[in-house]
């Protein structure tokens, strides 16, 4: 998984202004990464790797007239749903975080929580 994620993010993705974004899910099996048998230390390593690869992509962004944002979308407890996302332009980026429908609702963490501390990242 680690080598695959590094290889898949070794270069910045092609900028596609028409599509608005590029994304990459964790290259591993859901039944492995989300299993209760998978040690927390391995899940923590996976989260840290996602963060590290986002940092790498940010440092290696391509030139563009449109703003480019690269983010880590960490989903807990279903880590398999986590992804790296590069947004090309403002429109898709601004609308992406509006998830308040019957189908999908995101609930913000309380300000007292600190995922970095909780997961020792």
PDB file of N, CA and C in Angstrom:
ATOM      1  N   UNK A   1       0.822  -1.188   0.000  1.00  0.00           N
ATOM      2  CA  UNK A   1       0.000   0.000   0.000  1.00  0.00           C
ATOM      3  C   UNK A   1       0.870   1.258   0.000  1.00  0.00           C
ATOM      4  N   UNK A   2       1.880   1.283   0.870  1.00  0.00           N
ATOM      5  CA  UNK A   2       2.730   2.473   0.964  1.00  0.00           C
ATOM      6  C   UNK A   2       3.424   2.758  -0.360  1.00  0.00           C
ATOM      7  N   UNK A   3       4.047   1.736  -0.932  1.00  0.00           N
ATOM      8  CA  UNK A   3       4.749   1.924  -2.210  1.00  0.00           C
ATOM      9  C   UNK A   3       3.789   2.344  -3.320  1.00  0.00           C
ATOM     10  N   UNK A   4       2.605   1.740  -3.342  1.00  0.00           N
ATOM     11  CA  UNK A   4       1.615   2.099  -4.368  1.00  0.00           C
ATOM     12  C   UNK A   4       1.176   3.552  -4.241  1.00  0.00           C
ATOM     13  N   UNK A   5       0.922   3.996  -3.009  1.00  0.00           N
ATOM     14  CA  UNK A   5       0.484   5.378  -2.816  1.00  0.00           C
ATOM     15  C   UNK A   5       1.583   6.361  -3.197  1.00  0.00           C
ATOM     16  N   UNK A   6       2.812   6.032  -2.843  1.00  0.00           N
ATOM     17  CA  UNK A   6       3.937   6.899  -3.216  1.00  0.00           C
ATOM     18  C   UNK A   6       4.081   6.951  -4.733  1.00  0.00           C
ATOM     19  N   UNK A   7       3.988   5.790  -5.376  1.00  0.00           N
ATOM     20  CA  UNK A   7       4.118   5.748  -6.841  1.00  0.00           C
ATOM     21  C   UNK A   7       2.985   6.525  -7.523  1.00  0.00           C
ATOM     22  N   UNK A   8       1.762   6.361  -7.029  1.00  0.00           N
ATOM     23  CA  UNK A   8       0.605   7.024  -7.644  1.00  0.00           C
ATOM     24  C   UNK A   8       0.603   8.537  -7.444  1.00  0.00           C
ATOM     25  N   UNK A   9       1.408   9.010  -6.496  1.00  0.00           N
ATOM     26  CA  UNK A   9       1.494  10.453  -6.240  1.00  0.00           C
ATOM     27  C   UNK A   9       2.907  10.976  -6.476  1.00  0.00           C
ATOM     28  N   UNK A  10       3.680  10.273  -7.271  1.00  0.00           N
ATOM     29  CA  UNK A  10       5.072  10.681  -7.516  1.00  0.00           C
ATOM     30  C   UNK A  10       5.162  11.932  -8.392  1.00  0.00           C
ATOM     31  N   UNK A  11       4.108  12.213  -9.124  1.00  0.00           N
ATOM     32  CA  UNK A  11       4.034  13.421  -9.945  1.00  0.00           C
ATOM     33  C   UNK A  11       2.677  14.060  -9.765  1.00  0.00           C
ATOM     34  N   UNK A  12       2.595  15.346 -10.055  1.00  0.00           N
ATOM     35  CA  UNK A  12       1.316  16.034  -9.900  1.00  0.00           C
ATOM     36  C   UNK A  12       0.359  15.576 -10.997  1.00  0.00           C
ATOM     37  N   UNK A  13      -0.917  15.347 -10.649  1.00  0.00           N
ATOM     38  CA  UNK A  13      -1.880  14.888 -11.662  1.00  0.00           C
ATOM     39  C   UNK A  13      -2.140  15.948 -12.726  1.00  0.00           C
ATOM     40  N   UNK A  14      -2.623  15.484 -13.874  1.00  0.00           N
ATOM     41  CA  UNK A  14      -2.960  16.386 -14.979  1.00  0.00           C
ATOM     42  C   UNK A  14      -4.081  17.325 -14.540  1.00  0.00           C
ATOM     43  N   UNK A  15      -3.890  18.599 -14.796  1.00  0.00           N
ATOM     44  CA  UNK A  15      -4.904  19.596 -14.444  1.00  0.00           C
ATOM     45  C   UNK A  15      -6.059  19.497 -15.435  1.00  0.00           C
ATOM     46  N   UNK A  16      -7.250  19.241 -14.916  1.00  0.00           N
ATOM     47  CA  UNK A  16      -8.446  19.105 -15.741  1.00  0.00           C
ATOM     48  C   UNK A  16      -9.484  20.116 -15.257  1.00  0.00           C
ATOM     49  N   UNK A  17      -9.442  21.320 -15.812  1.00  0.00           N
ATOM     50  CA  UNK A  17     -10.357  22.376 -15.381  1.00  0.00           C
ATOM     51  C   UNK A  17     -11.812  22.028 -15.679  1.00  0.00           C
ATOM     52  N   UNK A  18     -12.049  21.249 -16.715  1.00  0.00           N
ATOM     53  CA  UNK A  18     -13.411  20.852 -17.057  1.00  0.00           C
ATOM     54  C   UNK A  18     -14.016  19.921 -16.027  1.00  0.00           C
ATOM     55  N   UNK A  19     -13.199  19.052 -15.465  1.00  0.00           N
ATOM     56  CA  UNK A  19     -13.675  18.101 -14.466  1.00  0.00           C
ATOM     57  C   UNK A  19     -13.695  18.740 -13.077  1.00  0.00           C
ATOM     58  N   UNK A  20     -12.741  19.606 -12.806  1.00  0.00           N
ATOM     59  CA  UNK A  20     -12.727  20.337 -11.543  1.00  0.00           C
ATOM     60  C   UNK A  20     -11.912  19.722 -10.427  1.00  0.00           C
ATOM     61  N   UNK A  21     -11.589  18.434 -10.563  1.00  0.00           N
ATOM     62  CA  UNK A  21     -10.823  17.808  -9.491  1.00  0.00           C
ATOM     63  C   UNK A  21     -10.168  16.520  -9.969  1.00  0.00           C
ATOM     64  N   UNK A  22      -9.251  16.036  -9.164  1.00  0.00           N
ATOM     65  CA  UNK A  22      -8.626  14.714  -9.303  1.00  0.00           C
ATOM     66  C   UNK A  22      -8.628  14.124  -7.903  1.00  0.00           C
ATOM     67  N   UNK A  23      -8.848  12.835  -7.787  1.00  0.00           N
ATOM     68  CA  UNK A  23      -8.804  12.234  -6.455  1.00  0.00           C
ATOM     69  C   UNK A  23      -8.224  10.832  -6.510  1.00  0.00           C
ATOM     70  N   UNK A  24      -7.738  10.402  -5.369  1.00  0.00           N
ATOM     71  CA  UNK A  24      -7.112   9.087  -5.258  1.00  0.00           C
ATOM     72  C   UNK A  24      -7.472   8.493  -3.912  1.00  0.00           C
ATOM     73  N   UNK A  25      -8.121   7.342  -3.951  1.00  0.00           N
ATOM     74  CA  UNK A  25      -8.417   6.612  -2.720  1.00  0.00           C
ATOM     75  C   UNK A  25      -7.203   5.781  -2.303  1.00  0.00           C
ATOM     76  N   UNK A  26      -7.208   5.334  -1.082  1.00  0.00           N
ATOM     77  CA  UNK A  26      -6.114   4.509  -0.572  1.00  0.00           C
ATOM     78  C   UNK A  26      -6.044   3.231  -1.407  1.00  0.00           C
ATOM     79  N   UNK A  27      -4.876   2.914  -1.969  1.00  0.00           N
ATOM     80  CA  UNK A  27      -4.759   1.723  -2.816  1.00  0.00           C
ATOM     81  C   UNK A  27      -4.583   0.442  -1.988  1.00  0.00           C
ATOM     82  N   UNK A  28      -5.659   0.044  -1.329  1.00  0.00           N
ATOM     83  CA  UNK A  28      -5.646  -1.193  -0.553  1.00  0.00           C
ATOM     84  C   UNK A  28      -7.069  -1.723  -0.457  1.00  0.00           C
ATOM     85  N   UNK A  29      -7.212  -2.894   0.114  1.00  0.00           N
ATOM     86  CA  UNK A  29      -8.527  -3.515   0.246  1.00  0.00           C
ATOM     87  C   UNK A  29      -9.277  -2.952   1.449  1.00  0.00           C
ATOM     88  N   UNK A  30     -10.560  -2.694   1.261  1.00  0.00           N
ATOM     89  CA  UNK A  30     -11.376  -2.169   2.350  1.00  0.00           C
ATOM     90  C   UNK A  30     -11.408  -3.147   3.518  1.00  0.00           C
ATOM     91  N   UNK A  31     -11.554  -4.412   3.228  1.00  0.00           N
ATOM     92  CA  UNK A  31     -11.654  -5.389   4.314  1.00  0.00           C
ATOM     93  C   UNK A  31     -10.363  -5.476   5.119  1.00  0.00           C
ATOM     94  N   UNK A  32      -9.249  -5.010   4.554  1.00  0.00           N
ATOM     95  CA  UNK A  32      -7.989  -4.983   5.291  1.00  0.00           C
ATOM     96  C   UNK A  32      -7.879  -3.722   6.151  1.00  0.00           C
ATOM     97  N   UNK A  33      -7.979  -2.556   5.544  1.00  0.00           N
ATOM     98  CA  UNK A  33      -7.704  -1.304   6.262  1.00  0.00           C
ATOM     99  C   UNK A  33      -8.782  -0.997   7.295  1.00  0.00           C
ATOM    100  N   UNK A  34     -10.012  -1.438   7.073  1.00  0.00           N
ATOM    101  CA  UNK A  34     -11.098  -1.156   8.015  1.00  0.00           C
ATOM    102  C   UNK A  34     -11.385  -2.312   8.969  1.00  0.00           C
ATOM    103  N   UNK A  35     -10.583  -3.359   8.911  1.00  0.00           N
ATOM    104  CA  UNK A  35     -10.790  -4.518   9.779  1.00  0.00           C
ATOM    105  C   UNK A  35     -10.442  -4.187  11.229  1.00  0.00           C
ATOM    106  N   UNK A  36     -11.208  -4.751  12.146  1.00  0.00           N
ATOM    107  CA  UNK A  36     -10.892  -4.575  13.567  1.00  0.00           C
ATOM    108  C   UNK A  36      -9.568  -5.252  13.918  1.00  0.00           C
ATOM    109  N   UNK A  37      -9.094  -6.147  13.047  1.00  0.00           N
ATOM    110  CA  UNK A  37      -7.814  -6.832  13.273  1.00  0.00           C
ATOM    111  C   UNK A  37      -6.610  -5.989  12.850  1.00  0.00           C
ATOM    112  N   UNK A  38      -6.842  -4.958  12.050  1.00  0.00           N
ATOM    113  CA  UNK A  38      -5.741  -4.098  11.607  1.00  0.00           C
ATOM    114  C   UNK A  38      -5.319  -3.208  12.769  1.00  0.00           C
ATOM    115  N   UNK A  39      -4.044  -3.277  13.161  1.00  0.00           N
ATOM    116  CA  UNK A  39      -3.588  -2.497  14.318  1.00  0.00           C
ATOM    117  C   UNK A  39      -3.746  -0.991  14.103  1.00  0.00           C
ATOM    118  N   UNK A  40      -4.043  -0.299  15.185  1.00  0.00           N
ATOM    119  CA  UNK A  40      -4.177   1.163  15.128  1.00  0.00           C
ATOM    120  C   UNK A  40      -2.889   1.799  14.623  1.00  0.00           C
ATOM    121  N   UNK A  41      -1.751   1.193  14.935  1.00  0.00           N
ATOM    122  CA  UNK A  41      -0.465   1.751  14.481  1.00  0.00           C
ATOM    123  C   UNK A  41      -0.377   1.752  12.955  1.00  0.00           C
ATOM    124  N   UNK A  42      -0.922   0.733  12.311  1.00  0.00           N
ATOM    125  CA  UNK A  42      -0.906   0.677  10.844  1.00  0.00           C
ATOM    126  C   UNK A  42      -1.891   1.689  10.258  1.00  0.00           C
ATOM    127  N   UNK A  43      -3.038   1.824  10.887  1.00  0.00           N
ATOM    128  CA  UNK A  43      -4.010   2.818  10.427  1.00  0.00           C
ATOM    129  C   UNK A  43      -3.429   4.225  10.595  1.00  0.00           C
ATOM    130  N   UNK A  44      -2.745   4.467  11.701  1.00  0.00           N
ATOM    131  CA  UNK A  44      -2.094   5.761  11.935  1.00  0.00           C
ATOM    132  C   UNK A  44      -1.040   6.015  10.859  1.00  0.00           C
ATOM    133  N   UNK A  45      -0.253   4.989  10.531  1.00  0.00           N
ATOM    134  CA  UNK A  45       0.771   5.129   9.490  1.00  0.00           C
ATOM    135  C   UNK A  45       0.126   5.483   8.151  1.00  0.00           C
ATOM    136  N   UNK A  46      -1.015   4.894   7.861  1.00  0.00           N
ATOM    137  CA  UNK A  46      -1.739   5.174   6.617  1.00  0.00           C
ATOM    138  C   UNK A  46      -2.200   6.633   6.585  1.00  0.00           C
ATOM    139  N   UNK A  47      -2.754   7.120   7.686  1.00  0.00           N
ATOM    140  CA  UNK A  47      -3.200   8.515   7.758  1.00  0.00           C
ATOM    141  C   UNK A  47      -2.014   9.448   7.568  1.00  0.00           C
ATOM    142  N   UNK A  48      -0.901   9.143   8.237  1.00  0.00           N
ATOM    143  CA  UNK A  48       0.281   9.993   8.121  1.00  0.00           C
ATOM    144  C   UNK A  48       0.815   9.982   6.695  1.00  0.00           C
ATOM    145  N   UNK A  49       0.772   8.825   6.038  1.00  0.00           N
ATOM    146  CA  UNK A  49       1.235   8.732   4.653  1.00  0.00           C
ATOM    147  C   UNK A  49       0.374   9.602   3.729  1.00  0.00           C
ATOM    148  N   UNK A  50      -0.930   9.592   3.938  1.00  0.00           N
ATOM    149  CA  UNK A  50      -1.817  10.445   3.140  1.00  0.00           C
ATOM    150  C   UNK A  50      -1.433  11.913   3.333  1.00  0.00           C
ATOM    151  N   UNK A  51      -1.237  12.309   4.565  1.00  0.00           N
ATOM    152  CA  UNK A  51      -0.849  13.693   4.863  1.00  0.00           C
ATOM    153  C   UNK A  51       0.490  14.026   4.211  1.00  0.00           C
ATOM    154  N   UNK A  52       1.448  13.113   4.306  1.00  0.00           N
ATOM    155  CA  UNK A  52       2.769  13.338   3.706  1.00  0.00           C
ATOM    156  C   UNK A  52       2.691  13.475   2.190  1.00  0.00           C
ATOM    157  N   UNK A  53       1.848  12.663   1.557  1.00  0.00           N
ATOM    158  CA  UNK A  53       1.731  12.726   0.095  1.00  0.00           C
ATOM    159  C   UNK A  53       1.018  14.006  -0.339  1.00  0.00           C
ATOM    160  N   UNK A  54       0.069  14.471   0.452  1.00  0.00           N
ATOM    161  CA  UNK A  54      -0.572  15.759   0.161  1.00  0.00           C
ATOM    162  C   UNK A  54       0.467  16.865   0.237  1.00  0.00           C
ATOM    163  N   UNK A  55       1.295  16.830   1.261  1.00  0.00           N
ATOM    164  CA  UNK A  55       2.354  17.836   1.390  1.00  0.00           C
ATOM    165  C   UNK A  55       3.293  17.792   0.185  1.00  0.00           C
ATOM    166  N   UNK A  56       3.642  16.585  -0.270  1.00  0.00           N
ATOM    167  CA  UNK A  56       4.499  16.438  -1.447  1.00  0.00           C
ATOM    168  C   UNK A  56       3.838  17.055  -2.680  1.00  0.00           C
ATOM    169  N   UNK A  57       2.558  16.752  -2.890  1.00  0.00           N
ATOM    170  CA  UNK A  57       1.854  17.288  -4.059  1.00  0.00           C
ATOM    171  C   UNK A  57       1.732  18.807  -3.994  1.00  0.00           C
ATOM    172  N   UNK A  58       1.506  19.339  -2.815  1.00  0.00           N
ATOM    173  CA  UNK A  58       1.429  20.797  -2.668  1.00  0.00           C
ATOM    174  C   UNK A  58       2.752  21.435  -3.070  1.00  0.00           C
ATOM    175  N   UNK A  59       3.844  20.837  -2.648  1.00  0.00           N
ATOM    176  CA  UNK A  59       5.171  21.379  -2.975  1.00  0.00           C
ATOM    177  C   UNK A  59       5.498  21.233  -4.457  1.00  0.00           C
ATOM    178  N   UNK A  60       4.797  20.330  -5.146  1.00  0.00           N
ATOM    179  CA  UNK A  60       5.080  20.059  -6.554  1.00  0.00           C
ATOM    180  C   UNK A  60       3.911  20.416  -7.469  1.00  0.00           C
ATOM    181  N   UNK A  61       3.090  21.385  -7.043  1.00  0.00           N
ATOM    182  CA  UNK A  61       1.947  21.804  -7.859  1.00  0.00           C
ATOM    183  C   UNK A  61       2.421  22.351  -9.198  1.00  0.00           C
ATOM    184  N   UNK A  62       1.609  22.095 -10.220  1.00  0.00           N
ATOM    185  CA  UNK A  62       1.877  22.637 -11.544  1.00  0.00           C
ATOM    186  C   UNK A  62       1.382  24.076 -11.615  1.00  0.00           C
ATOM    187  N   UNK A  63       1.947  24.836 -12.526  1.00  0.00           N
ATOM    188  CA  UNK A  63       1.505  26.209 -12.756  1.00  0.00           C
ATOM    189  C   UNK A  63       0.137  26.177 -13.431  1.00  0.00           C
ATOM    190  N   UNK A  64      -0.739  27.064 -13.000  1.00  0.00           N
ATOM    191  CA  UNK A  64      -2.078  27.137 -13.579  1.00  0.00           C
ATOM    192  C   UNK A  64      -2.650  28.524 -13.336  1.00  0.00           C
ATOM    193  N   UNK A  65      -3.491  28.970 -14.267  1.00  0.00           N
ATOM    194  CA  UNK A  65      -4.187  30.242 -14.075  1.00  0.00           C
ATOM    195  C   UNK A  65      -5.272  30.113 -13.004  1.00  0.00           C
ATOM    196  N   UNK A  66      -5.774  28.904 -12.832  1.00  0.00           N
ATOM    197  CA  UNK A  66      -6.811  28.657 -11.827  1.00  0.00           C
ATOM    198  C   UNK A  66      -6.162  28.245 -10.505  1.00  0.00           C
ATOM    199  N   UNK A  67      -6.781  28.605  -9.386  1.00  0.00           N
ATOM    200  CA  UNK A  67      -6.236  28.168  -8.099  1.00  0.00           C
ATOM    201  C   UNK A  67      -6.271  26.642  -7.992  1.00  0.00           C
ATOM    202  N   UNK A  68      -5.239  26.080  -7.410  1.00  0.00           N
ATOM    203  CA  UNK A  68      -5.169  24.637  -7.186  1.00  0.00           C
ATOM    204  C   UNK A  68      -5.035  24.411  -5.687  1.00  0.00           C
ATOM    205  N   UNK A  69      -5.893  23.548  -5.168  1.00  0.00           N
ATOM    206  CA  UNK A  69      -5.835  23.187  -3.749  1.00  0.00           C
ATOM    207  C   UNK A  69      -5.706  21.678  -3.647  1.00  0.00           C
ATOM    208  N   UNK A  70      -4.825  21.220  -2.776  1.00  0.00           N
ATOM    209  CA  UNK A  70      -4.648  19.792  -2.539  1.00  0.00           C
ATOM    210  C   UNK A  70      -4.982  19.536  -1.079  1.00  0.00           C
ATOM    211  N   UNK A  71      -5.870  18.574  -0.830  1.00  0.00           N
ATOM    212  CA  UNK A  71      -6.322  18.309   0.534  1.00  0.00           C
ATOM    213  C   UNK A  71      -6.297  16.817   0.834  1.00  0.00           C
ATOM    214  N   UNK A  72      -6.190  16.515   2.120  1.00  0.00           N
ATOM    215  CA  UNK A  72      -6.344  15.147   2.610  1.00  0.00           C
ATOM    216  C   UNK A  72      -7.744  15.044   3.194  1.00  0.00           C
ATOM    217  N   UNK A  73      -8.512  14.126   2.693  1.00  0.00           N
ATOM    218  CA  UNK A  73      -9.854  13.877   3.213  1.00  0.00           C
ATOM    219  C   UNK A  73      -9.768  12.576   4.009  1.00  0.00           C
ATOM    220  N   UNK A  74      -9.677  12.696   5.329  1.00  0.00           N
ATOM    221  CA  UNK A  74      -9.536  11.529   6.197  1.00  0.00           C
ATOM    222  C   UNK A  74     -10.908  11.179   6.745  1.00  0.00           C
ATOM    223  N   UNK A  75     -11.339   9.960   6.486  1.00  0.00           N
ATOM    224  CA  UNK A  75     -12.651   9.508   6.917  1.00  0.00           C
ATOM    225  C   UNK A  75     -12.481   8.455   8.005  1.00  0.00           C
ATOM    226  N   UNK A  76     -13.027   8.739   9.167  1.00  0.00           N
ATOM    227  CA  UNK A  76     -12.974   7.786  10.275  1.00  0.00           C
ATOM    228  C   UNK A  76     -14.394   7.500  10.735  1.00  0.00           C
ATOM    229  N   UNK A  77     -14.715   6.281  11.051  1.00  0.00           N
ATOM    230  CA  UNK A  77     -13.820   5.144  11.220  1.00  0.00           C
ATOM    231  C   UNK A  77     -13.525   4.372   9.934  1.00  0.00           C
ATOM    232  N   UNK A  78     -14.220   4.703   8.840  1.00  0.00           N
ATOM    233  CA  UNK A  78     -13.999   3.985   7.580  1.00  0.00           C
ATOM    234  C   UNK A  78     -12.833   4.615   6.816  1.00  0.00           C
ATOM    235  N   UNK A  79     -11.629   4.252   7.212  1.00  0.00           N
ATOM    236  CA  UNK A  79     -10.427   4.844   6.628  1.00  0.00           C
ATOM    237  C   UNK A  79     -10.341   4.591   5.127  1.00  0.00           C
ATOM    238  N   UNK A  80     -10.932   3.505   4.660  1.00  0.00           N
ATOM    239  CA  UNK A  80     -10.880   3.168   3.240  1.00  0.00           C
ATOM    240  C   UNK A  80     -11.527   4.253   2.374  1.00  0.00           C
ATOM    241  N   UNK A  81     -12.449   5.006   2.935  1.00  0.00           N
ATOM    242  CA  UNK A  81     -13.104   6.087   2.196  1.00  0.00           C
ATOM    243  C   UNK A  81     -12.264   7.353   2.135  1.00  0.00           C
ATOM    244  N   UNK A  82     -11.122   7.368   2.797  1.00  0.00           N
ATOM    245  CA  UNK A  82     -10.234   8.535   2.769  1.00  0.00           C
ATOM    246  C   UNK A  82      -9.634   8.691   1.380  1.00  0.00           C
ATOM    247  N   UNK A  83      -9.224   9.915   1.065  1.00  0.00           N
ATOM    248  CA  UNK A  83      -8.655  10.160  -0.256  1.00  0.00           C
ATOM    249  C   UNK A  83      -7.822  11.428  -0.276  1.00  0.00           C
ATOM    250  N   UNK A  84      -7.014  11.525  -1.302  1.00  0.00           N
ATOM    251  CA  UNK A  84      -6.278  12.743  -1.611  1.00  0.00           C
ATOM    252  C   UNK A  84      -7.040  13.407  -2.750  1.00  0.00           C
ATOM    253  N   UNK A  85      -7.292  14.716  -2.604  1.00  0.00           N
ATOM    254  CA  UNK A  85      -8.055  15.423  -3.633  1.00  0.00           C
ATOM    255  C   UNK A  85      -7.292  16.666  -4.060  1.00  0.00           C
ATOM    256  N   UNK A  86      -7.184  16.861  -5.373  1.00  0.00           N
ATOM    257  CA  UNK A  86      -6.650  18.108  -5.932  1.00  0.00           C
ATOM    258  C   UNK A  86      -7.816  18.807  -6.619  1.00  0.00           C
ATOM    259  N   UNK A  87      -8.107  20.024  -6.184  1.00  0.00           N
ATOM    260  CA  UNK A  87      -9.181  20.824  -6.773  1.00  0.00           C
ATOM    261  C   UNK A  87      -8.574  21.806  -7.755  1.00  0.00           C
ATOM    262  N   UNK A  88      -9.163  21.888  -8.940  1.00  0.00           N
ATOM    263  CA  UNK A  88      -8.707  22.806  -9.982  1.00  0.00           C
ATOM    264  C   UNK A  88      -9.760  23.897 -10.153  1.00  0.00           C
ATOM    265  N   UNK A  89      -9.511  25.061  -9.603  1.00  0.00           N
ATOM    266  CA  UNK A  89     -10.469  26.155  -9.643  1.00  0.00           C
ATOM    267  C   UNK A  89     -11.278  26.219  -8.357  1.00  0.00           C
ATOM    268  N   UNK A  90     -12.034  27.295  -8.220  1.00  0.00           N
ATOM    269  CA  UNK A  90     -12.776  27.533  -6.983  1.00  0.00           C
ATOM    270  C   UNK A  90     -14.159  26.899  -6.944  1.00  0.00           C
ATOM    271  N   UNK A  91     -14.812  26.778  -8.087  1.00  0.00           N
ATOM    272  CA  UNK A  91     -16.214  26.364  -8.093  1.00  0.00           C
ATOM    273  C   UNK A  91     -16.420  24.988  -7.459  1.00  0.00           C
ATOM    274  N   UNK A  92     -15.711  23.981  -7.938  1.00  0.00           N
ATOM    275  CA  UNK A  92     -15.905  22.634  -7.399  1.00  0.00           C
ATOM    276  C   UNK A  92     -15.448  22.567  -5.947  1.00  0.00           C
ATOM    277  N   UNK A  93     -14.363  23.254  -5.624  1.00  0.00           N
ATOM    278  CA  UNK A  93     -13.846  23.270  -4.253  1.00  0.00           C
ATOM    279  C   UNK A  93     -14.901  23.803  -3.284  1.00  0.00           C
ATOM    280  N   UNK A  94     -15.513  24.918  -3.613  1.00  0.00           N
ATOM    281  CA  UNK A  94     -16.500  25.527  -2.718  1.00  0.00           C
ATOM    282  C   UNK A  94     -17.737  24.651  -2.550  1.00  0.00           C
ATOM    283  N   UNK A  95     -18.170  23.992  -3.619  1.00  0.00           N
ATOM    284  CA  UNK A  95     -19.368  23.158  -3.550  1.00  0.00           C
ATOM    285  C   UNK A  95     -19.108  21.775  -2.958  1.00  0.00           C
ATOM    286  N   UNK A  96     -17.870  21.329  -2.985  1.00  0.00           N
ATOM    287  CA  UNK A  96     -17.537  19.982  -2.527  1.00  0.00           C
ATOM    288  C   UNK A  96     -17.913  19.761  -1.068  1.00  0.00           C
ATOM    289  N   UNK A  97     -17.720  20.762  -0.249  1.00  0.00           N
ATOM    290  CA  UNK A  97     -17.910  20.594   1.184  1.00  0.00           C
ATOM    291  C   UNK A  97     -19.354  20.803   1.635  1.00  0.00           C
ATOM    292  N   UNK A  98     -20.246  21.091   0.703  1.00  0.00           N
ATOM    293  CA  UNK A  98     -21.659  21.228   1.022  1.00  0.00           C
ATOM    294  C   UNK A  98     -22.293  19.842   0.981  1.00  0.00           C
ATOM    295  N   UNK A  99     -22.273  19.162   2.096  1.00  0.00           N
ATOM    296  CA  UNK A  99     -22.815  17.794   2.183  1.00  0.00           C
ATOM    297  C   UNK A  99     -23.890  17.766   3.261  1.00  0.00           C
ATOM    298  N   UNK A 100     -25.064  18.228   2.917  1.00  0.00           N
ATOM    299  CA  UNK A 100     -26.138  18.276   3.890  1.00  0.00           C
ATOM    300  C   UNK A 100     -27.439  17.847   3.222  1.00  0.00           C
ATOM    301  N   UNK A 101     -27.453  16.584   2.765  1.00  0.00           N
ATOM    302  CA  UNK A 101     -28.634  16.041   2.109  1.00  0.00           C
ATOM    303  C   UNK A 101     -29.055  14.766   2.837  1.00  0.00           C
ATOM    304  N   UNK A 102     -30.193  14.214   2.433  1.00  0.00           N
ATOM    305  CA  UNK A 102     -30.623  12.940   3.015  1.00  0.00           C
ATOM    306  C   UNK A 102     -29.628  11.827   2.690  1.00  0.00           C
ATOM    307  N   UNK A 103     -28.998  11.936   1.522  1.00  0.00           N
ATOM    308  CA  UNK A 103     -28.055  10.909   1.080  1.00  0.00           C
ATOM    309  C   UNK A 103     -26.718  11.010   1.809  1.00  0.00           C
ATOM    310  N   UNK A 104     -26.257  12.208   2.050  1.00  0.00           N
ATOM    311  CA  UNK A 104     -24.924  12.386   2.622  1.00  0.00           C
ATOM    312  C   UNK A 104     -24.896  13.632   3.501  1.00  0.00           C
ATOM    313  N   UNK A 105     -24.424  13.449   4.728  1.00  0.00           N
ATOM    314  CA  UNK A 105     -24.326  14.575   5.652  1.00  0.00           C
ATOM    315  C   UNK A 105     -22.999  14.479   6.384  1.00  0.00           C
ATOM    316  N   UNK A 106     -22.259  15.568   6.349  1.00  0.00           N
ATOM    317  CA  UNK A 106     -21.001  15.639   7.084  1.00  0.00           C
ATOM    318  C   UNK A 106     -21.240  16.407   8.363  1.00  0.00           C
ATOM    319  N   UNK A 107     -20.733  15.871   9.446  1.00  0.00           N
ATOM    320  CA  UNK A 107     -20.866  16.514  10.746  1.00  0.00           C
ATOM    321  C   UNK A 107     -19.482  16.974  11.174  1.00  0.00           C
ATOM    322  N   UNK A 108     -19.293  18.278  11.354  1.00  0.00           N
ATOM    323  CA  UNK A 108     -17.967  18.775  11.743  1.00  0.00           C
ATOM    324  C   UNK A 108     -17.568  18.262  13.123  1.00  0.00           C
ATOM    325  N   UNK A 109     -16.276  18.065  13.312  1.00  0.00           N
ATOM    326  CA  UNK A 109     -15.767  17.697  14.625  1.00  0.00           C
ATOM    327  C   UNK A 109     -15.932  18.875  15.572  1.00  0.00           C
ATOM    328  N   UNK A 110     -16.104  18.570  16.833  1.00  0.00           N
ATOM    329  CA  UNK A 110     -16.162  19.652  17.814  1.00  0.00           C
ATOM    330  C   UNK A 110     -14.788  20.316  17.889  1.00  0.00           C
ATOM    331  N   UNK A 111     -14.773  21.555  18.272  1.00  0.00           N
ATOM    332  CA  UNK A 111     -13.515  22.312  18.349  1.00  0.00           C
ATOM    333  C   UNK A 111     -12.586  21.753  19.424  1.00  0.00           C
ATOM    334  N   UNK A 112     -13.109  20.990  20.359  1.00  0.00           N
ATOM    335  CA  UNK A 112     -12.288  20.407  21.417  1.00  0.00           C
ATOM    336  C   UNK A 112     -11.468  19.209  20.930  1.00  0.00           C
ATOM    337  N   UNK A 113     -11.864  18.613  19.824  1.00  0.00           N
ATOM    338  CA  UNK A 113     -11.153  17.433  19.321  1.00  0.00           C
ATOM    339  C   UNK A 113      -9.956  17.841  18.493  1.00  0.00           C
ATOM    340  N   UNK A 114      -8.916  17.029  18.582  1.00  0.00           N
ATOM    341  CA  UNK A 114      -7.694  17.249  17.810  1.00  0.00           C
ATOM    342  C   UNK A 114      -7.238  15.893  17.272  1.00  0.00           C
ATOM    343  N   UNK A 115      -7.570  15.623  16.020  1.00  0.00           N
ATOM    344  CA  UNK A 115      -7.253  14.327  15.409  1.00  0.00           C
ATOM    345  C   UNK A 115      -5.750  14.072  15.411  1.00  0.00           C
ATOM    346  N   UNK A 116      -4.965  15.111  15.192  1.00  0.00           N
ATOM    347  CA  UNK A 116      -3.502  14.936  15.194  1.00  0.00           C
ATOM    348  C   UNK A 116      -3.017  14.426  16.545  1.00  0.00           C
ATOM    349  N   UNK A 117      -3.560  14.962  17.616  1.00  0.00           N
ATOM    350  CA  UNK A 117      -3.170  14.488  18.952  1.00  0.00           C
ATOM    351  C   UNK A 117      -3.721  13.094  19.220  1.00  0.00           C
ATOM    352  N   UNK A 118      -4.995  12.884  18.866  1.00  0.00           N
ATOM    353  CA  UNK A 118      -5.633  11.595  19.124  1.00  0.00           C
ATOM    354  C   UNK A 118      -4.915  10.453  18.413  1.00  0.00           C
ATOM    355  N   UNK A 119      -4.432  10.707  17.206  1.00  0.00           N
ATOM    356  CA  UNK A 119      -3.786   9.672  16.404  1.00  0.00           C
ATOM    357  C   UNK A 119      -2.265   9.790  16.421  1.00  0.00           C
ATOM    358  N   UNK A 120      -1.751  10.736  17.192  1.00  0.00           N
ATOM    359  CA  UNK A 120      -0.300  10.923  17.304  1.00  0.00           C
ATOM    360  C   UNK A 120       0.337  11.125  15.926  1.00  0.00           C
ATOM    361  N   UNK A 121      -0.215  12.072  15.178  1.00  0.00           N
ATOM    362  CA  UNK A 121       0.280  12.350  13.822  1.00  0.00           C
ATOM    363  C   UNK A 121       1.292  13.473  13.852  1.00  0.00           C
TER     364      UNK A 121
END
